[in-house]
């Protein structure tokens, strides 16, 4: 069968379906806004040029100090948090900072599309026209030259090259022994505890309907889904977007509408600039927390499917293996093919302000 030409009936039908889906997601966000109660509103301080960060959290007091410090260093000027019924001190950490606005909800995380309905509403209200970073509290964004160039240097470069979105690979970080080892309370940087990662074992395909990458593999696929690799977590994300109120994430930050925002990869045998999200899930608290999350059943569409995954975490596994790689920095990740400069050169240009 001949492929449908650009603008042909099938392409037009897919475009119509995507527009309809996007409107449905925006309407869902409009309805779910009622779940949110504003705790602190400092959004009046947001300036037109500010990079914003949107986060949904629950009981992340251990990670938040390092998370906030890292993203402030990158140049995030305002954080918009949804606190989903935290009980561990998260609220206190977020309460007094002049660059943080907070909404709280007791509603179901799963019923809100795993928090994306709430964040979509906030992004429509406050993110329009801004470069917006959408993250989990256990994700640390690194990109080429990040130690010496702020996010605005990256976003300026993206705009100069006609790009409105930026892709990243989620890279599971883990300790050298059992995941319960150590006492990283009040640590400044989770990566001082989680120094290892899998440098290979990644499978990549393109999803034609939304034109997004679909990447699986790494430590979680190896350790928890070896028998059913297609059920392993999805690792591709598009966390940084110059937002428009009509945009919507479809599935976490794995895919967006409109589909052109998902084209964060090259199709001409070259490379586009990309980053990595260092995933700090495997701090010692995950052992106790996994039992709680298994009972709550709020993190997966099919909670029963992931019961064995949680059981393995409760058993305190060792993720480190003979092929594990010790993390040294972004240049190492580029050399391994896990991120790319894609022709970007920020050795000169915008300095830290």
C-alpha atoms as a PDB file:
ATOM      1  CA  UNK A   1       0.000   0.000   0.000  1.00  0.00           C
ATOM      2  CA  UNK A   2       1.330   3.442  -0.911  1.00  0.00           C
ATOM      3  CA  UNK A   3       1.905   5.789   2.047  1.00  0.00           C
ATOM      4  CA  UNK A   4      -0.640   8.531   2.460  1.00  0.00           C
ATOM      5  CA  UNK A   5       0.754  11.772   0.992  1.00  0.00           C
ATOM      6  CA  UNK A   6       1.178  14.851   3.149  1.00  0.00           C
ATOM      7  CA  UNK A   7      -2.235  16.439   3.307  1.00  0.00           C
ATOM      8  CA  UNK A   8      -3.936  13.229   2.126  1.00  0.00           C
ATOM      9  CA  UNK A   9      -7.114  11.826   3.719  1.00  0.00           C
ATOM     10  CA  UNK A  10      -5.328   9.754   6.359  1.00  0.00           C
ATOM     11  CA  UNK A  11      -3.033  12.629   7.359  1.00  0.00           C
ATOM     12  CA  UNK A  12      -5.984  15.007   7.599  1.00  0.00           C
ATOM     13  CA  UNK A  13      -7.887  12.497   9.716  1.00  0.00           C
ATOM     14  CA  UNK A  14      -4.956  12.121  12.122  1.00  0.00           C
ATOM     15  CA  UNK A  15      -4.629  15.903  12.344  1.00  0.00           C
ATOM     16  CA  UNK A  16      -8.332  16.203  13.165  1.00  0.00           C
ATOM     17  CA  UNK A  17      -8.076  13.468  15.816  1.00  0.00           C
ATOM     18  CA  UNK A  18      -5.083  15.195  17.394  1.00  0.00           C
ATOM     19  CA  UNK A  19      -6.875  18.547  17.529  1.00  0.00           C
ATOM     20  CA  UNK A  20      -9.883  16.875  19.129  1.00  0.00           C
ATOM     21  CA  UNK A  21      -7.685  15.064  21.649  1.00  0.00           C
ATOM     22  CA  UNK A  22      -5.902  18.286  22.543  1.00  0.00           C
ATOM     23  CA  UNK A  23      -9.194  20.070  23.161  1.00  0.00           C
ATOM     24  CA  UNK A  24     -10.374  17.187  25.337  1.00  0.00           C
ATOM     25  CA  UNK A  25      -7.201  17.388  27.431  1.00  0.00           C
ATOM     26  CA  UNK A  26      -7.569  21.126  27.882  1.00  0.00           C
ATOM     27  CA  UNK A  27     -11.205  20.668  28.893  1.00  0.00           C
ATOM     28  CA  UNK A  28     -10.184  17.992  31.419  1.00  0.00           C
ATOM     29  CA  UNK A  29      -7.681  20.436  32.893  1.00  0.00           C
ATOM     30  CA  UNK A  30     -10.392  23.095  33.102  1.00  0.00           C
ATOM     31  CA  UNK A  31     -12.633  20.699  35.050  1.00  0.00           C
ATOM     32  CA  UNK A  32      -9.854  19.434  37.350  1.00  0.00           C
ATOM     33  CA  UNK A  33      -8.899  22.976  38.350  1.00  0.00           C
ATOM     34  CA  UNK A  34     -11.546  22.602  41.059  1.00  0.00           C
ATOM     35  CA  UNK A  35      -9.289  20.059  42.791  1.00  0.00           C
ATOM     36  CA  UNK A  36      -6.731  22.760  43.518  1.00  0.00           C
ATOM     37  CA  UNK A  37      -6.654  25.064  46.524  1.00  0.00           C
ATOM     38  CA  UNK A  38      -4.176  27.919  46.325  1.00  0.00           C
ATOM     39  CA  UNK A  39      -1.779  28.020  49.263  1.00  0.00           C
ATOM     40  CA  UNK A  40       0.686  30.732  48.228  1.00  0.00           C
ATOM     41  CA  UNK A  41       0.409  32.932  45.147  1.00  0.00           C
ATOM     42  CA  UNK A  42       3.545  34.804  44.187  1.00  0.00           C
ATOM     43  CA  UNK A  43       2.896  34.688  40.442  1.00  0.00           C
ATOM     44  CA  UNK A  44       2.675  38.489  40.274  1.00  0.00           C
ATOM     45  CA  UNK A  45       6.478  38.469  40.457  1.00  0.00           C
ATOM     46  CA  UNK A  46       6.795  36.496  37.184  1.00  0.00           C
ATOM     47  CA  UNK A  47       8.450  38.505  34.416  1.00  0.00           C
ATOM     48  CA  UNK A  48       7.911  37.999  30.698  1.00  0.00           C
ATOM     49  CA  UNK A  49      11.412  36.584  30.180  1.00  0.00           C
ATOM     50  CA  UNK A  50      11.362  34.156  33.135  1.00  0.00           C
ATOM     51  CA  UNK A  51      11.875  30.425  32.729  1.00  0.00           C
ATOM     52  CA  UNK A  52       9.210  28.661  34.812  1.00  0.00           C
ATOM     53  CA  UNK A  53       9.202  25.219  36.412  1.00  0.00           C
ATOM     54  CA  UNK A  54       5.999  23.202  36.989  1.00  0.00           C
ATOM     55  CA  UNK A  55       6.071  20.295  39.446  1.00  0.00           C
ATOM     56  CA  UNK A  56       3.569  17.936  41.091  1.00  0.00           C
ATOM     57  CA  UNK A  57       4.890  16.491  44.364  1.00  0.00           C
ATOM     58  CA  UNK A  58       3.940  14.226  47.211  1.00  0.00           C
ATOM     59  CA  UNK A  59       6.264  13.689  50.192  1.00  0.00           C
ATOM     60  CA  UNK A  60       9.474  14.854  48.519  1.00  0.00           C
ATOM     61  CA  UNK A  61      11.087  16.679  51.455  1.00  0.00           C
ATOM     62  CA  UNK A  62      14.275  14.634  51.051  1.00  0.00           C
ATOM     63  CA  UNK A  63      14.859  15.721  47.450  1.00  0.00           C
ATOM     64  CA  UNK A  64      13.399  19.227  47.347  1.00  0.00           C
ATOM     65  CA  UNK A  65      16.360  21.240  48.716  1.00  0.00           C
ATOM     66  CA  UNK A  66      18.721  19.828  46.078  1.00  0.00           C
ATOM     67  CA  UNK A  67      16.024  19.999  43.385  1.00  0.00           C
ATOM     68  CA  UNK A  68      15.362  23.675  44.040  1.00  0.00           C
ATOM     69  CA  UNK A  69      19.063  24.544  44.330  1.00  0.00           C
ATOM     70  CA  UNK A  70      19.894  22.852  41.017  1.00  0.00           C
ATOM     71  CA  UNK A  71      17.086  24.481  39.052  1.00  0.00           C
ATOM     72  CA  UNK A  72      17.752  27.899  40.554  1.00  0.00           C
ATOM     73  CA  UNK A  73      21.341  27.461  39.440  1.00  0.00           C
ATOM     74  CA  UNK A  74      20.102  26.674  35.936  1.00  0.00           C
ATOM     75  CA  UNK A  75      18.135  29.917  35.948  1.00  0.00           C
ATOM     76  CA  UNK A  76      14.551  28.938  36.785  1.00  0.00           C
ATOM     77  CA  UNK A  77      12.950  32.126  38.099  1.00  0.00           C
ATOM     78  CA  UNK A  78       9.647  30.816  39.403  1.00  0.00           C
ATOM     79  CA  UNK A  79       8.339  27.423  40.507  1.00  0.00           C
ATOM     80  CA  UNK A  80       4.672  26.438  40.434  1.00  0.00           C
ATOM     81  CA  UNK A  81       4.021  23.405  42.638  1.00  0.00           C
ATOM     82  CA  UNK A  82       0.991  21.191  43.107  1.00  0.00           C
ATOM     83  CA  UNK A  83       1.321  19.518  46.508  1.00  0.00           C
ATOM     84  CA  UNK A  84      -0.701  16.298  46.419  1.00  0.00           C
ATOM     85  CA  UNK A  85      -1.401  15.812  50.140  1.00  0.00           C
ATOM     86  CA  UNK A  86       2.177  15.731  51.398  1.00  0.00           C
ATOM     87  CA  UNK A  87       2.662  14.867  55.057  1.00  0.00           C
ATOM     88  CA  UNK A  88       6.467  14.830  55.427  1.00  0.00           C
ATOM     89  CA  UNK A  89       7.527  18.474  55.586  1.00  0.00           C
ATOM     90  CA  UNK A  90       7.268  19.219  51.871  1.00  0.00           C
ATOM     91  CA  UNK A  91       4.770  22.023  52.543  1.00  0.00           C
ATOM     92  CA  UNK A  92       7.125  23.721  54.988  1.00  0.00           C
ATOM     93  CA  UNK A  93       9.985  23.697  52.471  1.00  0.00           C
ATOM     94  CA  UNK A  94       7.777  25.336  49.837  1.00  0.00           C
ATOM     95  CA  UNK A  95       6.045  27.814  52.144  1.00  0.00           C
ATOM     96  CA  UNK A  96       8.413  30.742  52.476  1.00  0.00           C
ATOM     97  CA  UNK A  97      10.443  30.906  49.262  1.00  0.00           C
ATOM     98  CA  UNK A  98       9.736  34.108  47.281  1.00  0.00           C
ATOM     99  CA  UNK A  99      10.084  32.279  43.937  1.00  0.00           C
ATOM    100  CA  UNK A 100       7.512  29.530  44.659  1.00  0.00           C
ATOM    101  CA  UNK A 101       3.726  29.459  44.267  1.00  0.00           C
ATOM    102  CA  UNK A 102       1.846  26.460  45.681  1.00  0.00           C
ATOM    103  CA  UNK A 103      -1.514  24.786  45.139  1.00  0.00           C
ATOM    104  CA  UNK A 104      -2.621  21.856  47.291  1.00  0.00           C
ATOM    105  CA  UNK A 105      -5.006  18.999  46.555  1.00  0.00           C
ATOM    106  CA  UNK A 106      -6.201  15.839  48.290  1.00  0.00           C
ATOM    107  CA  UNK A 107      -7.657  14.500  45.036  1.00  0.00           C
ATOM    108  CA  UNK A 108      -6.560  11.353  43.201  1.00  0.00           C
ATOM    109  CA  UNK A 109      -3.234  11.581  41.383  1.00  0.00           C
ATOM    110  CA  UNK A 110      -4.294   8.804  38.989  1.00  0.00           C
ATOM    111  CA  UNK A 111      -7.656  10.427  38.229  1.00  0.00           C
ATOM    112  CA  UNK A 112      -5.871  13.657  37.263  1.00  0.00           C
ATOM    113  CA  UNK A 113      -3.831  11.810  34.603  1.00  0.00           C
ATOM    114  CA  UNK A 114      -1.030  11.412  37.133  1.00  0.00           C
ATOM    115  CA  UNK A 115      -1.009  15.125  37.913  1.00  0.00           C
ATOM    116  CA  UNK A 116      -0.934  16.323  34.308  1.00  0.00           C
ATOM    117  CA  UNK A 117      -4.472  17.772  34.386  1.00  0.00           C
ATOM    118  CA  UNK A 118      -3.482  20.002  37.300  1.00  0.00           C
ATOM    119  CA  UNK A 119      -0.235  21.113  35.705  1.00  0.00           C
ATOM    120  CA  UNK A 120      -1.914  21.687  32.324  1.00  0.00           C
ATOM    121  CA  UNK A 121      -4.317  24.104  33.963  1.00  0.00           C
ATOM    122  CA  UNK A 122      -1.514  26.008  35.695  1.00  0.00           C
ATOM    123  CA  UNK A 123       0.561  26.102  32.517  1.00  0.00           C
ATOM    124  CA  UNK A 124      -2.377  27.498  30.553  1.00  0.00           C
ATOM    125  CA  UNK A 125      -2.826  30.212  33.170  1.00  0.00           C
ATOM    126  CA  UNK A 126       0.784  31.164  33.826  1.00  0.00           C
ATOM    127  CA  UNK A 127       3.051  29.478  31.271  1.00  0.00           C
ATOM    128  CA  UNK A 128       1.812  31.013  28.012  1.00  0.00           C
ATOM    129  CA  UNK A 129       4.746  32.624  26.185  1.00  0.00           C
ATOM    130  CA  UNK A 130       7.335  31.312  28.645  1.00  0.00           C
ATOM    131  CA  UNK A 131       9.882  28.548  28.338  1.00  0.00           C
ATOM    132  CA  UNK A 132       8.436  26.023  30.781  1.00  0.00           C
ATOM    133  CA  UNK A 133      10.264  23.164  32.455  1.00  0.00           C
ATOM    134  CA  UNK A 134       7.972  20.360  33.637  1.00  0.00           C
ATOM    135  CA  UNK A 135       9.701  17.949  36.012  1.00  0.00           C
ATOM    136  CA  UNK A 136       9.261  15.393  38.751  1.00  0.00           C
ATOM    137  CA  UNK A 137      11.097  16.128  41.984  1.00  0.00           C
ATOM    138  CA  UNK A 138      13.346  13.109  41.391  1.00  0.00           C
ATOM    139  CA  UNK A 139      14.610  14.442  38.029  1.00  0.00           C
ATOM    140  CA  UNK A 140      17.774  16.520  37.616  1.00  0.00           C
ATOM    141  CA  UNK A 141      18.106  18.120  34.180  1.00  0.00           C
ATOM    142  CA  UNK A 142      21.586  18.329  32.649  1.00  0.00           C
ATOM    143  CA  UNK A 143      22.350  19.562  29.129  1.00  0.00           C
ATOM    144  CA  UNK A 144      25.468  20.554  27.160  1.00  0.00           C
ATOM    145  CA  UNK A 145      27.475  23.209  29.045  1.00  0.00           C
ATOM    146  CA  UNK A 146      24.950  23.317  31.884  1.00  0.00           C
ATOM    147  CA  UNK A 147      27.612  24.022  34.528  1.00  0.00           C
ATOM    148  CA  UNK A 148      28.580  27.306  32.863  1.00  0.00           C
ATOM    149  CA  UNK A 149      25.556  28.349  30.780  1.00  0.00           C
ATOM    150  CA  UNK A 150      22.040  29.006  32.131  1.00  0.00           C
ATOM    151  CA  UNK A 151      18.789  27.781  30.652  1.00  0.00           C
ATOM    152  CA  UNK A 152      18.296  31.117  28.900  1.00  0.00           C
ATOM    153  CA  UNK A 153      21.466  30.466  26.875  1.00  0.00           C
ATOM    154  CA  UNK A 154      20.002  27.119  25.827  1.00  0.00           C
ATOM    155  CA  UNK A 155      16.554  28.546  25.037  1.00  0.00           C
ATOM    156  CA  UNK A 156      18.079  31.427  23.064  1.00  0.00           C
ATOM    157  CA  UNK A 157      20.004  28.889  20.999  1.00  0.00           C
ATOM    158  CA  UNK A 158      16.879  26.797  20.447  1.00  0.00           C
ATOM    159  CA  UNK A 159      14.914  29.842  19.301  1.00  0.00           C
ATOM    160  CA  UNK A 160      17.676  30.887  16.923  1.00  0.00           C
ATOM    161  CA  UNK A 161      17.335  27.468  15.296  1.00  0.00           C
ATOM    162  CA  UNK A 162      13.551  27.542  15.094  1.00  0.00           C
ATOM    163  CA  UNK A 163      12.908  25.063  17.884  1.00  0.00           C
ATOM    164  CA  UNK A 164      10.217  25.342  20.563  1.00  0.00           C
ATOM    165  CA  UNK A 165      10.923  22.134  22.501  1.00  0.00           C
ATOM    166  CA  UNK A 166      13.860  20.210  23.942  1.00  0.00           C
ATOM    167  CA  UNK A 167      14.111  16.455  24.512  1.00  0.00           C
ATOM    168  CA  UNK A 168      15.856  14.467  27.219  1.00  0.00           C
ATOM    169  CA  UNK A 169      16.529  10.842  28.145  1.00  0.00           C
ATOM    170  CA  UNK A 170      15.595   9.685  31.644  1.00  0.00           C
ATOM    171  CA  UNK A 171      18.684   7.993  33.084  1.00  0.00           C
ATOM    172  CA  UNK A 172      18.162   5.831  36.174  1.00  0.00           C
ATOM    173  CA  UNK A 173      20.895   6.496  38.748  1.00  0.00           C
ATOM    174  CA  UNK A 174      21.613   3.973  41.508  1.00  0.00           C
ATOM    175  CA  UNK A 175      24.114   3.227  44.311  1.00  0.00           C
ATOM    176  CA  UNK A 176      26.933   0.711  44.255  1.00  0.00           C
ATOM    177  CA  UNK A 177      25.208  -1.656  46.664  1.00  0.00           C
ATOM    178  CA  UNK A 178      21.693  -2.372  47.922  1.00  0.00           C
ATOM    179  CA  UNK A 179      19.391   0.581  47.386  1.00  0.00           C
ATOM    180  CA  UNK A 180      18.792   0.911  51.146  1.00  0.00           C
ATOM    181  CA  UNK A 181      22.473   1.521  51.838  1.00  0.00           C
ATOM    182  CA  UNK A 182      23.703   4.810  53.288  1.00  0.00           C
ATOM    183  CA  UNK A 183      21.974   7.631  55.116  1.00  0.00           C
ATOM    184  CA  UNK A 184      21.455  10.439  52.597  1.00  0.00           C
ATOM    185  CA  UNK A 185      19.301  12.591  54.888  1.00  0.00           C
ATOM    186  CA  UNK A 186      19.754  16.271  54.058  1.00  0.00           C
ATOM    187  CA  UNK A 187      22.206  15.486  51.277  1.00  0.00           C
ATOM    188  CA  UNK A 188      23.080  18.407  49.044  1.00  0.00           C
ATOM    189  CA  UNK A 189      23.102  16.393  45.829  1.00  0.00           C
ATOM    190  CA  UNK A 190      21.497  12.959  45.322  1.00  0.00           C
ATOM    191  CA  UNK A 191      24.144  12.129  42.714  1.00  0.00           C
ATOM    192  CA  UNK A 192      26.757  11.986  45.470  1.00  0.00           C
ATOM    193  CA  UNK A 193      24.855   8.894  46.627  1.00  0.00           C
ATOM    194  CA  UNK A 194      23.579   7.599  43.258  1.00  0.00           C
ATOM    195  CA  UNK A 195      26.771   7.467  41.207  1.00  0.00           C
ATOM    196  CA  UNK A 196      26.043   4.618  38.754  1.00  0.00           C
ATOM    197  CA  UNK A 197      23.935   4.098  35.621  1.00  0.00           C
ATOM    198  CA  UNK A 198      23.463   1.748  32.648  1.00  0.00           C
ATOM    199  CA  UNK A 199      25.233   3.095  29.582  1.00  0.00           C
ATOM    200  CA  UNK A 200      23.599   0.692  27.120  1.00  0.00           C
ATOM    201  CA  UNK A 201      20.581  -1.575  26.630  1.00  0.00           C
ATOM    202  CA  UNK A 202      18.285   1.126  25.182  1.00  0.00           C
ATOM    203  CA  UNK A 203      15.713   0.512  22.447  1.00  0.00           C
ATOM    204  CA  UNK A 204      14.341   3.411  20.400  1.00  0.00           C
ATOM    205  CA  UNK A 205      11.400   3.644  18.044  1.00  0.00           C
ATOM    206  CA  UNK A 206       9.262   6.450  16.637  1.00  0.00           C
ATOM    207  CA  UNK A 207       5.539   6.498  17.362  1.00  0.00           C
ATOM    208  CA  UNK A 208       3.986   7.598  14.046  1.00  0.00           C
ATOM    209  CA  UNK A 209       0.725   9.074  15.375  1.00  0.00           C
ATOM    210  CA  UNK A 210       2.377  11.684  17.594  1.00  0.00           C
ATOM    211  CA  UNK A 211       5.835  11.570  15.980  1.00  0.00           C
ATOM    212  CA  UNK A 212       7.464  11.137  19.386  1.00  0.00           C
ATOM    213  CA  UNK A 213      10.340   8.857  20.305  1.00  0.00           C
ATOM    214  CA  UNK A 214       9.657   5.832  22.498  1.00  0.00           C
ATOM    215  CA  UNK A 215      12.733   4.759  24.458  1.00  0.00           C
ATOM    216  CA  UNK A 216      12.918   1.836  26.890  1.00  0.00           C
ATOM    217  CA  UNK A 217      15.744   0.046  28.612  1.00  0.00           C
ATOM    218  CA  UNK A 218      18.321   0.906  31.235  1.00  0.00           C
ATOM    219  CA  UNK A 219      18.442  -0.203  34.844  1.00  0.00           C
ATOM    220  CA  UNK A 220      14.714  -0.586  35.480  1.00  0.00           C
ATOM    221  CA  UNK A 221      14.163  -2.626  32.330  1.00  0.00           C
ATOM    222  CA  UNK A 222      17.155  -4.837  33.176  1.00  0.00           C
ATOM    223  CA  UNK A 223      16.348  -5.366  36.853  1.00  0.00           C
ATOM    224  CA  UNK A 224      12.540  -5.420  36.938  1.00  0.00           C
ATOM    225  CA  UNK A 225      11.190  -6.110  33.431  1.00  0.00           C
ATOM    226  CA  UNK A 226      13.705  -8.499  31.887  1.00  0.00           C
ATOM    227  CA  UNK A 227      10.944 -11.017  31.095  1.00  0.00           C
ATOM    228  CA  UNK A 228       8.580  -8.398  29.637  1.00  0.00           C
ATOM    229  CA  UNK A 229      10.754  -5.524  28.346  1.00  0.00           C
ATOM    230  CA  UNK A 230       7.847  -3.866  26.540  1.00  0.00           C
ATOM    231  CA  UNK A 231       6.272  -3.148  29.930  1.00  0.00           C
ATOM    232  CA  UNK A 232       9.368  -1.292  31.147  1.00  0.00           C
ATOM    233  CA  UNK A 233       9.012   2.440  31.881  1.00  0.00           C
ATOM    234  CA  UNK A 234       9.240   4.918  29.025  1.00  0.00           C
ATOM    235  CA  UNK A 235      12.425   6.986  29.211  1.00  0.00           C
ATOM    236  CA  UNK A 236      12.018   9.703  26.575  1.00  0.00           C
ATOM    237  CA  UNK A 237      10.702  13.067  27.731  1.00  0.00           C
ATOM    238  CA  UNK A 238      10.257  16.565  26.358  1.00  0.00           C
ATOM    239  CA  UNK A 239      10.509  18.569  29.588  1.00  0.00           C
ATOM    240  CA  UNK A 240      11.326  22.030  28.189  1.00  0.00           C
ATOM    241  CA  UNK A 241       8.841  23.782  25.894  1.00  0.00           C
ATOM    242  CA  UNK A 242       8.096  27.350  24.886  1.00  0.00           C
ATOM    243  CA  UNK A 243       4.511  27.087  26.037  1.00  0.00           C
ATOM    244  CA  UNK A 244       1.249  28.142  24.462  1.00  0.00           C
ATOM    245  CA  UNK A 245      -2.037  27.868  26.314  1.00  0.00           C
ATOM    246  CA  UNK A 246      -3.348  25.548  23.586  1.00  0.00           C
ATOM    247  CA  UNK A 247      -0.611  22.940  24.183  1.00  0.00           C
ATOM    248  CA  UNK A 248      -1.096  19.804  26.270  1.00  0.00           C
ATOM    249  CA  UNK A 249       0.996  16.861  27.404  1.00  0.00           C
ATOM    250  CA  UNK A 250      -0.626  13.576  26.437  1.00  0.00           C
ATOM    251  CA  UNK A 251       1.248  11.092  28.620  1.00  0.00           C
ATOM    252  CA  UNK A 252       3.354  12.576  31.419  1.00  0.00           C
ATOM    253  CA  UNK A 253       5.994  14.563  29.514  1.00  0.00           C
ATOM    254  CA  UNK A 254       6.603  11.704  27.067  1.00  0.00           C
ATOM    255  CA  UNK A 255       4.484  13.251  24.302  1.00  0.00           C
ATOM    256  CA  UNK A 256       2.709  16.516  23.525  1.00  0.00           C
ATOM    257  CA  UNK A 257       0.082  17.968  21.291  1.00  0.00           C
ATOM    258  CA  UNK A 258       0.510  19.419  18.735  1.00  0.00           C
ATOM    259  CA  UNK A 259       2.791  16.618  17.457  1.00  0.00           C
ATOM    260  CA  UNK A 260       5.438  18.928  15.971  1.00  0.00           C
ATOM    261  CA  UNK A 261       6.660  19.592  19.521  1.00  0.00           C
ATOM    262  CA  UNK A 262       7.632  15.924  19.790  1.00  0.00           C
ATOM    263  CA  UNK A 263      10.138  16.172  16.946  1.00  0.00           C
ATOM    264  CA  UNK A 264      13.159  16.583  19.219  1.00  0.00           C
ATOM    265  CA  UNK A 265      15.289  14.184  17.158  1.00  0.00           C
ATOM    266  CA  UNK A 266      16.921  14.407  13.745  1.00  0.00           C
ATOM    267  CA  UNK A 267      15.575  12.530  10.732  1.00  0.00           C
ATOM    268  CA  UNK A 268      18.498  13.233   8.384  1.00  0.00           C
ATOM    269  CA  UNK A 269      21.178  11.044  10.020  1.00  0.00           C
ATOM    270  CA  UNK A 270      22.332  14.042  12.061  1.00  0.00           C
ATOM    271  CA  UNK A 271      21.665  14.910  15.697  1.00  0.00           C
ATOM    272  CA  UNK A 272      19.597  17.522  17.507  1.00  0.00           C
ATOM    273  CA  UNK A 273      20.642  18.995  20.816  1.00  0.00           C
ATOM    274  CA  UNK A 274      19.301  16.968  23.728  1.00  0.00           C
ATOM    275  CA  UNK A 275      19.734  16.552  27.465  1.00  0.00           C
ATOM    276  CA  UNK A 276      19.442  13.954  30.205  1.00  0.00           C
ATOM    277  CA  UNK A 277      17.194  13.746  33.248  1.00  0.00           C
ATOM    278  CA  UNK A 278      19.244  12.120  36.001  1.00  0.00           C
ATOM    279  CA  UNK A 279      16.604  10.042  37.782  1.00  0.00           C
ATOM    280  CA  UNK A 280      17.121   9.905  41.558  1.00  0.00           C
ATOM    281  CA  UNK A 281      14.310   7.507  42.385  1.00  0.00           C
ATOM    282  CA  UNK A 282      16.584   4.948  44.059  1.00  0.00           C
ATOM    283  CA  UNK A 283      17.447   6.727  47.292  1.00  0.00           C
ATOM    284  CA  UNK A 284      17.112   4.495  50.405  1.00  0.00           C
ATOM    285  CA  UNK A 285      13.621   5.766  51.233  1.00  0.00           C
ATOM    286  CA  UNK A 286      12.280   3.995  48.122  1.00  0.00           C
ATOM    287  CA  UNK A 287      12.247   0.666  50.001  1.00  0.00           C
ATOM    288  CA  UNK A 288       9.673   1.822  52.544  1.00  0.00           C
ATOM    289  CA  UNK A 289       7.884   4.069  50.099  1.00  0.00           C
ATOM    290  CA  UNK A 290       7.320   1.287  47.569  1.00  0.00           C
ATOM    291  CA  UNK A 291       5.134  -0.630  49.999  1.00  0.00           C
ATOM    292  CA  UNK A 292       3.012   2.474  50.511  1.00  0.00           C
ATOM    293  CA  UNK A 293       2.720   3.188  46.782  1.00  0.00           C
ATOM    294  CA  UNK A 294       1.773  -0.412  46.041  1.00  0.00           C
ATOM    295  CA  UNK A 295      -1.156  -0.076  48.452  1.00  0.00           C
ATOM    296  CA  UNK A 296      -2.165   3.353  47.120  1.00  0.00           C
ATOM    297  CA  UNK A 297      -2.118   2.191  43.493  1.00  0.00           C
ATOM    298  CA  UNK A 298      -1.884   5.764  42.247  1.00  0.00           C
ATOM    299  CA  UNK A 299       1.172   5.621  39.998  1.00  0.00           C
ATOM    300  CA  UNK A 300       0.243   3.239  37.175  1.00  0.00           C
ATOM    301  CA  UNK A 301      -2.839   2.810  35.022  1.00  0.00           C
ATOM    302  CA  UNK A 302      -2.706  -0.923  35.760  1.00  0.00           C
ATOM    303  CA  UNK A 303      -1.490  -1.164  39.346  1.00  0.00           C
ATOM    304  CA  UNK A 304      -1.671  -4.965  39.419  1.00  0.00           C
ATOM    305  CA  UNK A 305       0.779  -5.127  36.529  1.00  0.00           C
ATOM    306  CA  UNK A 306       3.412  -3.381  38.656  1.00  0.00           C
ATOM    307  CA  UNK A 307       2.867  -5.332  41.893  1.00  0.00           C
ATOM    308  CA  UNK A 308       5.955  -7.467  41.258  1.00  0.00           C
ATOM    309  CA  UNK A 309       7.961  -4.314  40.542  1.00  0.00           C
ATOM    310  CA  UNK A 310       7.089  -2.874  43.939  1.00  0.00           C
ATOM    311  CA  UNK A 311       7.760  -6.218  45.625  1.00  0.00           C
ATOM    312  CA  UNK A 312      11.256  -6.257  44.159  1.00  0.00           C
ATOM    313  CA  UNK A 313      11.917  -2.775  45.507  1.00  0.00           C
ATOM    314  CA  UNK A 314      10.685  -3.766  48.963  1.00  0.00           C
ATOM    315  CA  UNK A 315      13.174  -6.665  48.831  1.00  0.00           C
ATOM    316  CA  UNK A 316      15.997  -4.070  48.617  1.00  0.00           C
ATOM    317  CA  UNK A 317      17.727  -5.136  45.378  1.00  0.00           C
ATOM    318  CA  UNK A 318      21.246  -4.363  44.187  1.00  0.00           C
ATOM    319  CA  UNK A 319      20.986  -2.611  40.810  1.00  0.00           C
ATOM    320  CA  UNK A 320      24.723  -2.289  40.310  1.00  0.00           C
ATOM    321  CA  UNK A 321      26.201  -4.930  38.010  1.00  0.00           C
ATOM    322  CA  UNK A 322      29.390  -5.720  36.105  1.00  0.00           C
ATOM    323  CA  UNK A 323      28.423  -3.416  33.231  1.00  0.00           C
ATOM    324  CA  UNK A 324      27.426  -0.419  35.380  1.00  0.00           C
ATOM    325  CA  UNK A 325      29.095   2.906  34.567  1.00  0.00           C
ATOM    326  CA  UNK A 326      30.173   5.520  37.117  1.00  0.00           C
ATOM    327  CA  UNK A 327      28.822   8.991  36.319  1.00  0.00           C
ATOM    328  CA  UNK A 328      31.371  11.737  35.671  1.00  0.00           C
ATOM    329  CA  UNK A 329      29.432  14.467  33.834  1.00  0.00           C
ATOM    330  CA  UNK A 330      27.587  15.572  30.715  1.00  0.00           C
ATOM    331  CA  UNK A 331      30.562  15.147  28.392  1.00  0.00           C
ATOM    332  CA  UNK A 332      30.675  11.476  29.359  1.00  0.00           C
ATOM    333  CA  UNK A 333      26.955  11.157  28.534  1.00  0.00           C
ATOM    334  CA  UNK A 334      27.555  12.794  25.168  1.00  0.00           C
ATOM    335  CA  UNK A 335      30.460  10.439  24.412  1.00  0.00           C
ATOM    336  CA  UNK A 336      28.173   7.484  25.207  1.00  0.00           C
ATOM    337  CA  UNK A 337      25.486   8.782  22.838  1.00  0.00           C
ATOM    338  CA  UNK A 338      22.963   9.459  25.622  1.00  0.00           C
ATOM    339  CA  UNK A 339      22.808  13.196  24.946  1.00  0.00           C
ATOM    340  CA  UNK A 340      24.002  15.473  22.153  1.00  0.00           C
ATOM    341  CA  UNK A 341      25.266  18.972  21.484  1.00  0.00           C
ATOM    342  CA  UNK A 342      23.846  18.652  17.972  1.00  0.00           C
ATOM    343  CA  UNK A 343      26.155  21.341  16.624  1.00  0.00           C
ATOM    344  CA  UNK A 344      25.573  23.694  19.550  1.00  0.00           C
ATOM    345  CA  UNK A 345      28.599  25.613  20.753  1.00  0.00           C
ATOM    346  CA  UNK A 346      28.112  27.638  23.913  1.00  0.00           C
ATOM    347  CA  UNK A 347      31.792  27.894  24.746  1.00  0.00           C
ATOM    348  CA  UNK A 348      31.288  31.610  24.217  1.00  0.00           C
ATOM    349  CA  UNK A 349      28.177  33.695  24.596  1.00  0.00           C
ATOM    350  CA  UNK A 350      25.837  34.145  27.518  1.00  0.00           C
ATOM    351  CA  UNK A 351      27.519  33.851  30.892  1.00  0.00           C
ATOM    352  CA  UNK A 352      25.874  33.198  34.225  1.00  0.00           C
ATOM    353  CA  UNK A 353      24.110  36.274  35.484  1.00  0.00           C
END
